[in-house]
Amino acid sequence: MSDFVNSGWAMFVAVVTIISLLACLALLIAASKRKQMAEDNTTGHVWDGDLKELNNPLPRWWMYLFVITVVFAALYLFFYPGLGSHKGSLNWSSTGQYEAEQAKAKAAMEAVYGKFVKMDAAALAQDPQAMGIGERLFLNNCAQCHGSDARGSKGFPNLADNDWLWGGDHAKIIETITNGRAGNMPAMAAAVGSADDVKNVANYVLSLSGGPHNAVAAQLGQAKFVVCAACHGADGKGNQALGAPNLTDKVWLHGWGEQAVINAITNGIQNNMPAQGSRMTPEQIHVLAAYVWGLSQGRNEARVAQTSKP
């Protein structure tokens, strides 16, 4: 494929394009000349016994329209890129137009977001305009996974409950939105031991949050939990630096119950939140993070409830 970036291909495309336009005009001129083919003005072709093909000239309006089309194509290729590597006299490009529109939009947004830049999360959460903007940003960029009410679903964290995998202060939320997160729990069954050992550890994990469990199995699984403690801590309260969830708070991102925990230990879990830094400006992320922070503090419950209504 590297051969197609050679400058000769640009010349080839330009020549073929110009010849094609000239050929269209030549074909039109040739077709416009009426030639008498028979005394009755037919081509000699007959179908179904009496259906004859006449040799009438092309309508004038059609010919004029054809000429206008060719002229328009020539003018377009003069002003805009199309003849190989020729950029056109206007020097227009889709990239340039996109960058200009982005710069215009950014300049317009700076006037709106300028007053929010120096405000902290608490102040932004009290500002109706900022929270209105944050809500729209959330619905456009986050609700697809976390839901319009921000309460998530299986595999997608609830952002309104103040339970955080990576930290829930304003700075950490900004970091999460900007860079994304990649959560990975490797399959641990082999490290834990036998199937019975995995089941025992699952029951011990359930016991940490006071949920229904087999007490005997949980006691047997406590010693094996040391394999999990490297990330979740000896007390099972997690580690936000690693994104390791708290196992004692009755919040189950990937399902609750013995079988769900066994599946997590056996198969591992992979979660990924894509980075949004390239889709939003830092000023937008600043306001959005304050909106999300406000949800976890219960400051936007009325707004969320209104948004989630059908």
Protein backbone atom coordinates (compact mmCIF):
# COMPACT_ATOMS: atom_id res chain seq x y z
CA MET A 1 0.00 0.00 0.00
CA SER A 2 2.98 2.34 0.44
CA ASP A 3 3.18 2.66 -3.36
CA PHE A 4 -0.10 4.63 -3.38
CA VAL A 5 1.41 7.57 -1.49
CA ASN A 6 3.79 8.21 -4.37
CA SER A 7 3.26 11.66 -5.94
CA GLY A 8 2.78 9.99 -9.33
CA TRP A 9 -0.61 8.70 -8.25
CA ALA A 10 -1.81 12.26 -7.60
CA MET A 11 -0.87 13.18 -11.15
CA PHE A 12 -2.59 10.05 -12.45
CA VAL A 13 -5.84 10.93 -10.65
CA ALA A 14 -5.72 14.53 -11.92
CA VAL A 15 -5.13 13.48 -15.54
CA VAL A 16 -7.87 10.83 -15.48
CA THR A 17 -10.33 13.35 -13.97
CA ILE A 18 -9.61 16.00 -16.61
CA ILE A 19 -9.81 13.47 -19.46
CA SER A 20 -13.12 12.21 -18.09
CA LEU A 21 -14.62 15.73 -18.13
CA LEU A 22 -13.38 16.36 -21.66
CA ALA A 23 -14.71 12.97 -22.76
CA CYS A 24 -18.14 13.88 -21.39
CA LEU A 25 -18.17 17.06 -23.46
CA ALA A 26 -16.96 15.21 -26.55
CA LEU A 27 -19.68 12.59 -26.10
CA LEU A 28 -22.29 15.33 -25.77
CA ILE A 29 -21.13 17.07 -28.93
CA ALA A 30 -21.14 13.80 -30.86
CA ALA A 31 -24.62 12.92 -29.61
CA SER A 32 -25.99 16.38 -30.44
CA LYS A 33 -25.26 15.97 -34.15
CA ARG A 34 -28.32 14.53 -35.83
CA LYS A 35 -27.61 11.91 -38.46
CA GLN A 36 -30.28 10.70 -40.81
CA MET A 37 -30.23 6.93 -40.50
CA ALA A 38 -33.36 6.11 -42.49
CA GLU A 39 -36.07 7.84 -44.50
CA ASP A 40 -38.57 7.39 -41.65
CA ASN A 41 -36.09 8.73 -39.02
CA THR A 42 -35.65 5.37 -37.31
CA THR A 43 -32.54 3.48 -36.31
CA GLY A 44 -33.77 0.34 -38.00
CA HIS A 45 -34.42 -1.43 -34.69
CA VAL A 46 -37.92 -2.89 -34.36
CA TRP A 47 -39.43 -4.75 -31.36
CA ASP A 48 -42.69 -6.62 -30.98
CA GLY A 49 -43.43 -6.24 -34.65
CA ASP A 50 -44.18 -2.49 -34.75
CA LEU A 51 -42.24 -0.81 -31.95
CA LYS A 52 -39.56 1.29 -33.69
CA GLU A 53 -36.64 3.20 -32.19
CA LEU A 54 -36.58 6.79 -33.46
CA ASN A 55 -33.43 8.80 -34.07
CA ASN A 56 -34.57 12.05 -32.44
CA PRO A 57 -31.90 14.46 -31.08
CA LEU A 58 -31.41 14.96 -27.35
CA PRO A 59 -33.68 17.63 -25.81
CA ARG A 60 -32.04 21.05 -25.59
CA TRP A 61 -32.79 21.47 -21.88
CA TRP A 62 -31.08 18.15 -21.16
CA MET A 63 -28.01 19.18 -23.15
CA TYR A 64 -27.79 22.54 -21.37
CA LEU A 65 -28.12 20.82 -18.00
CA PHE A 66 -25.36 18.39 -18.95
CA VAL A 67 -23.07 21.26 -19.96
CA ILE A 68 -23.82 23.13 -16.72
CA THR A 69 -22.96 19.98 -14.76
CA VAL A 70 -19.58 19.62 -16.49
CA VAL A 71 -18.80 23.33 -16.05
CA PHE A 72 -19.77 23.15 -12.37
CA ALA A 73 -17.45 20.14 -11.93
CA ALA A 74 -14.58 22.05 -13.55
CA LEU A 75 -15.15 25.11 -11.35
CA TYR A 76 -15.39 22.93 -8.24
CA LEU A 77 -12.08 21.25 -9.06
CA PHE A 78 -10.53 24.68 -9.55
CA PHE A 79 -11.64 26.04 -6.17
CA TYR A 80 -11.64 22.86 -4.05
CA PRO A 81 -9.36 19.80 -3.73
CA GLY A 82 -10.15 16.99 -6.14
CA LEU A 83 -7.42 16.90 -8.75
CA GLY A 84 -4.99 14.60 -7.03
CA SER A 85 -2.86 16.57 -4.57
CA HIS A 86 -4.12 19.96 -5.82
CA LYS A 87 -5.52 21.84 -2.80
CA GLY A 88 -7.72 24.20 -4.80
CA SER A 89 -7.44 27.96 -5.08
CA LEU A 90 -9.44 28.47 -1.86
CA ASN A 91 -7.06 26.17 0.04
CA TRP A 92 -10.08 24.55 1.71
CA SER A 93 -9.90 21.22 3.57
CA SER A 94 -12.28 19.31 5.80
CA THR A 95 -9.62 19.29 8.52
CA GLY A 96 -9.22 23.04 8.31
CA GLN A 97 -12.98 23.60 8.45
CA TYR A 98 -13.29 21.26 11.44
CA GLU A 99 -10.50 23.04 13.30
CA ALA A 100 -12.02 26.43 12.54
CA GLU A 101 -15.43 25.33 13.79
CA GLN A 102 -13.87 23.84 16.93
CA ALA A 103 -11.97 27.06 17.59
CA LYS A 104 -15.16 29.08 17.13
CA ALA A 105 -17.08 26.80 19.47
CA LYS A 106 -14.28 26.91 22.04
CA ALA A 107 -14.24 30.71 21.95
CA ALA A 108 -18.00 30.78 22.47
CA MET A 109 -17.76 28.32 25.37
CA GLU A 110 -14.98 30.25 27.08
CA ALA A 111 -17.42 33.05 27.75
CA VAL A 112 -19.81 30.58 29.38
CA TYR A 113 -17.31 28.46 31.31
CA GLY A 114 -14.92 31.26 32.22
CA LYS A 115 -16.65 32.09 35.49
CA PHE A 116 -16.75 28.42 36.56
CA VAL A 117 -13.03 27.66 36.19
CA LYS A 118 -11.98 29.06 39.58
CA MET A 119 -15.00 27.70 41.49
CA ASP A 120 -14.60 24.54 43.55
CA ALA A 121 -17.00 21.60 43.50
CA ALA A 122 -19.04 22.83 46.48
CA ALA A 123 -19.56 26.24 44.92
CA LEU A 124 -20.40 24.78 41.52
CA ALA A 125 -22.92 22.40 43.10
CA GLN A 126 -24.76 25.46 44.45
CA ASP A 127 -24.80 27.25 41.08
CA PRO A 128 -27.99 26.46 39.09
CA GLN A 129 -26.43 27.43 35.75
CA ALA A 130 -23.36 25.26 36.33
CA MET A 131 -25.47 22.29 37.40
CA GLY A 132 -27.76 22.75 34.40
CA ILE A 133 -24.74 22.60 32.10
CA GLY A 134 -23.33 19.66 34.06
CA GLU A 135 -26.60 17.80 33.72
CA ARG A 136 -26.63 18.22 29.92
CA LEU A 137 -22.99 17.11 29.72
CA PHE A 138 -23.82 14.08 31.82
CA LEU A 139 -26.83 13.11 29.72
CA ASN A 140 -24.87 13.51 26.48
CA ASN A 141 -21.69 11.72 27.55
CA CYS A 142 -22.28 9.55 30.62
CA ALA A 143 -25.92 8.47 30.77
CA GLN A 144 -25.43 5.80 28.09
CA CYS A 145 -23.59 3.67 30.67
CA HIS A 146 -24.51 5.09 34.07
CA GLY A 147 -28.17 5.79 33.27
CA SER A 148 -30.04 9.09 33.15
CA ASP A 149 -30.47 8.90 36.94
CA ALA A 150 -26.73 8.14 37.40
CA ARG A 151 -27.54 5.03 39.41
CA GLY A 152 -25.81 2.69 36.97
CA SER A 153 -26.60 -0.97 36.42
CA LYS A 154 -24.78 -4.29 36.59
CA GLY A 155 -21.18 -3.62 35.59
CA PHE A 156 -21.68 0.17 35.55
CA PRO A 157 -21.08 2.00 38.85
CA ASN A 158 -23.74 3.96 40.69
CA LEU A 159 -22.51 7.56 40.81
CA ALA A 160 -25.10 8.72 43.32
CA ASP A 161 -24.19 6.57 46.34
CA ASN A 162 -20.79 7.93 47.43
CA ASP A 163 -19.17 4.51 46.93
CA TRP A 164 -16.09 5.03 44.76
CA LEU A 165 -13.65 2.60 43.18
CA TRP A 166 -10.97 5.19 42.36
CA GLY A 167 -11.85 8.06 44.70
CA GLY A 168 -14.75 10.47 44.81
CA ASP A 169 -13.32 13.92 45.43
CA HIS A 170 -13.54 16.52 42.66
CA ALA A 171 -9.93 16.08 41.53
CA LYS A 172 -10.22 12.29 41.29
CA ILE A 173 -13.47 12.52 39.33
CA ILE A 174 -11.79 14.93 36.90
CA GLU A 175 -8.92 12.45 36.54
CA THR A 176 -11.33 9.58 35.92
CA ILE A 177 -13.33 11.45 33.28
CA THR A 178 -10.24 12.80 31.52
CA ASN A 179 -8.09 9.66 31.39
CA GLY A 180 -10.66 6.89 31.76
CA ARG A 181 -10.21 3.83 33.95
CA ALA A 182 -9.19 0.24 33.26
CA GLY A 183 -10.23 -2.12 36.04
CA ASN A 184 -8.90 -5.64 35.96
CA MET A 185 -9.37 -8.44 38.44
CA PRO A 186 -7.46 -11.49 37.21
CA ALA A 187 -8.92 -14.98 37.49
CA MET A 188 -7.84 -16.16 40.95
CA ALA A 189 -9.25 -19.69 41.16
CA ALA A 190 -5.87 -21.33 40.56
CA ALA A 191 -4.25 -19.21 43.28
CA VAL A 192 -7.06 -19.86 45.77
CA GLY A 193 -7.02 -23.62 45.34
CA SER A 194 -9.74 -26.18 44.71
CA ALA A 195 -13.37 -25.55 43.79
CA ASP A 196 -14.27 -26.00 47.46
CA ASP A 197 -11.67 -23.41 48.42
CA VAL A 198 -13.17 -20.95 45.95
CA LYS A 199 -16.62 -21.56 47.40
CA ASN A 200 -15.31 -21.05 50.91
CA VAL A 201 -13.62 -17.77 49.99
CA ALA A 202 -16.84 -16.61 48.30
CA ASN A 203 -18.73 -17.23 51.54
CA TYR A 204 -16.07 -15.39 53.53
CA VAL A 205 -16.41 -12.42 51.16
CA LEU A 206 -20.19 -12.46 51.68
CA SER A 207 -19.66 -12.54 55.44
CA LEU A 208 -17.63 -9.33 55.30
CA SER A 209 -20.71 -7.35 54.36
CA GLY A 210 -23.00 -9.25 56.72
CA GLY A 211 -24.94 -10.89 53.90
CA PRO A 212 -26.41 -14.40 53.95
CA HIS A 213 -23.62 -16.97 53.87
CA ASN A 214 -22.50 -20.36 55.08
CA ALA A 215 -20.69 -19.60 58.35
CA VAL A 216 -18.66 -22.82 58.34
CA ALA A 217 -17.51 -22.29 54.75
CA ALA A 218 -16.69 -18.67 55.53
CA GLN A 219 -14.50 -19.69 58.44
CA LEU A 220 -12.65 -22.15 56.20
CA GLY A 221 -12.24 -19.51 53.50
CA GLN A 222 -10.78 -16.83 55.76
CA ALA A 223 -7.25 -18.21 55.52
CA LYS A 224 -7.46 -18.40 51.71
CA PHE A 225 -8.63 -14.78 51.51
CA VAL A 226 -4.99 -13.76 51.90
CA VAL A 227 -4.74 -14.20 48.12
CA CYS A 228 -7.40 -11.48 47.67
CA ALA A 229 -6.05 -9.23 50.43
CA ALA A 230 -3.21 -8.02 48.23
CA CYS A 231 -5.72 -5.76 46.43
CA HIS A 232 -8.79 -5.65 48.65
CA GLY A 233 -6.86 -5.35 51.92
CA ALA A 234 -6.78 -7.70 54.89
CA ASP A 235 -10.03 -6.18 56.15
CA GLY A 236 -11.65 -6.34 52.67
CA LYS A 237 -12.23 -2.59 52.53
CA GLY A 238 -10.55 -2.19 49.18
CA ASN A 239 -7.88 0.10 47.78
CA GLN A 240 -8.88 3.13 45.72
CA ALA A 241 -5.33 3.52 44.42
CA LEU A 242 -5.83 0.20 42.58
CA GLY A 243 -9.55 0.54 41.94
CA ALA A 244 -10.13 -2.50 44.16
CA PRO A 245 -13.70 -2.36 45.53
CA ASN A 246 -14.70 -2.37 49.16
CA LEU A 247 -16.14 -5.83 49.94
CA THR A 248 -17.73 -4.79 53.23
CA ASP A 249 -20.24 -2.17 52.11
CA LYS A 250 -22.94 -4.32 50.44
CA VAL A 251 -22.35 -2.67 47.05
CA TRP A 252 -22.01 -5.36 44.36
CA LEU A 253 -21.10 -4.01 40.95
CA HIS A 254 -21.14 -7.38 39.15
CA GLY A 255 -23.91 -9.19 40.98
CA TRP A 256 -24.52 -10.43 44.52
CA GLY A 257 -24.66 -13.90 46.01
CA GLU A 258 -22.47 -16.96 46.32
CA GLN A 259 -22.49 -17.88 42.64
CA ALA A 260 -21.76 -14.34 41.50
CA VAL A 261 -18.73 -14.11 43.79
CA ILE A 262 -17.54 -17.58 42.70
CA ASN A 263 -17.80 -16.46 39.05
CA ALA A 264 -15.75 -13.34 39.81
CA ILE A 265 -13.02 -15.35 41.55
CA THR A 266 -12.98 -18.03 38.85
CA ASN A 267 -13.19 -15.91 35.70
CA GLY A 268 -11.93 -12.52 36.82
CA ILE A 269 -13.50 -9.20 35.86
CA GLN A 270 -12.49 -6.61 33.27
CA ASN A 271 -14.05 -3.16 33.29
CA ASN A 272 -13.17 -0.24 31.08
CA MET A 273 -14.28 3.38 31.11
CA PRO A 274 -13.04 5.18 27.99
CA ALA A 275 -11.17 8.45 28.36
CA GLN A 276 -13.28 11.53 27.66
CA GLY A 277 -10.46 14.08 27.59
CA SER A 278 -10.44 14.23 23.81
CA ARG A 279 -14.21 14.69 23.60
CA MET A 280 -14.63 17.49 26.15
CA THR A 281 -12.62 20.53 27.09
CA PRO A 282 -11.01 20.80 30.55
CA GLU A 283 -13.58 23.46 31.43
CA GLN A 284 -16.44 21.13 30.56
CA ILE A 285 -14.90 18.28 32.54
CA HIS A 286 -14.44 20.64 35.51
CA VAL A 287 -18.18 21.39 35.57
CA LEU A 288 -19.22 17.80 34.81
CA ALA A 289 -17.06 16.46 37.64
CA ALA A 290 -18.69 18.91 40.03
CA TYR A 291 -22.12 17.71 38.88
CA VAL A 292 -21.16 14.07 39.49
CA TRP A 293 -19.66 14.99 42.86
CA GLY A 294 -22.90 16.76 43.75
CA LEU A 295 -24.88 13.61 42.91
CA SER A 296 -22.83 11.59 45.39
CA GLN A 297 -23.45 14.24 48.04
CA GLY A 298 -27.20 14.14 47.52
CA ARG A 299 -27.24 17.72 46.23
CA ASN A 300 -28.89 16.97 42.92
CA GLU A 301 -31.42 14.32 43.91
CA ALA A 302 -34.41 16.45 42.87
CA ARG A 303 -32.83 17.22 39.50
CA VAL A 304 -31.96 13.57 38.88
CA ALA A 305 -35.44 12.43 39.87
CA GLN A 306 -36.97 14.91 37.45
CA THR A 307 -34.61 13.83 34.63
CA SER A 308 -35.37 10.12 35.11
CA LYS A 309 -39.13 10.56 34.81
CA PRO A 310 -40.58 9.03 31.61
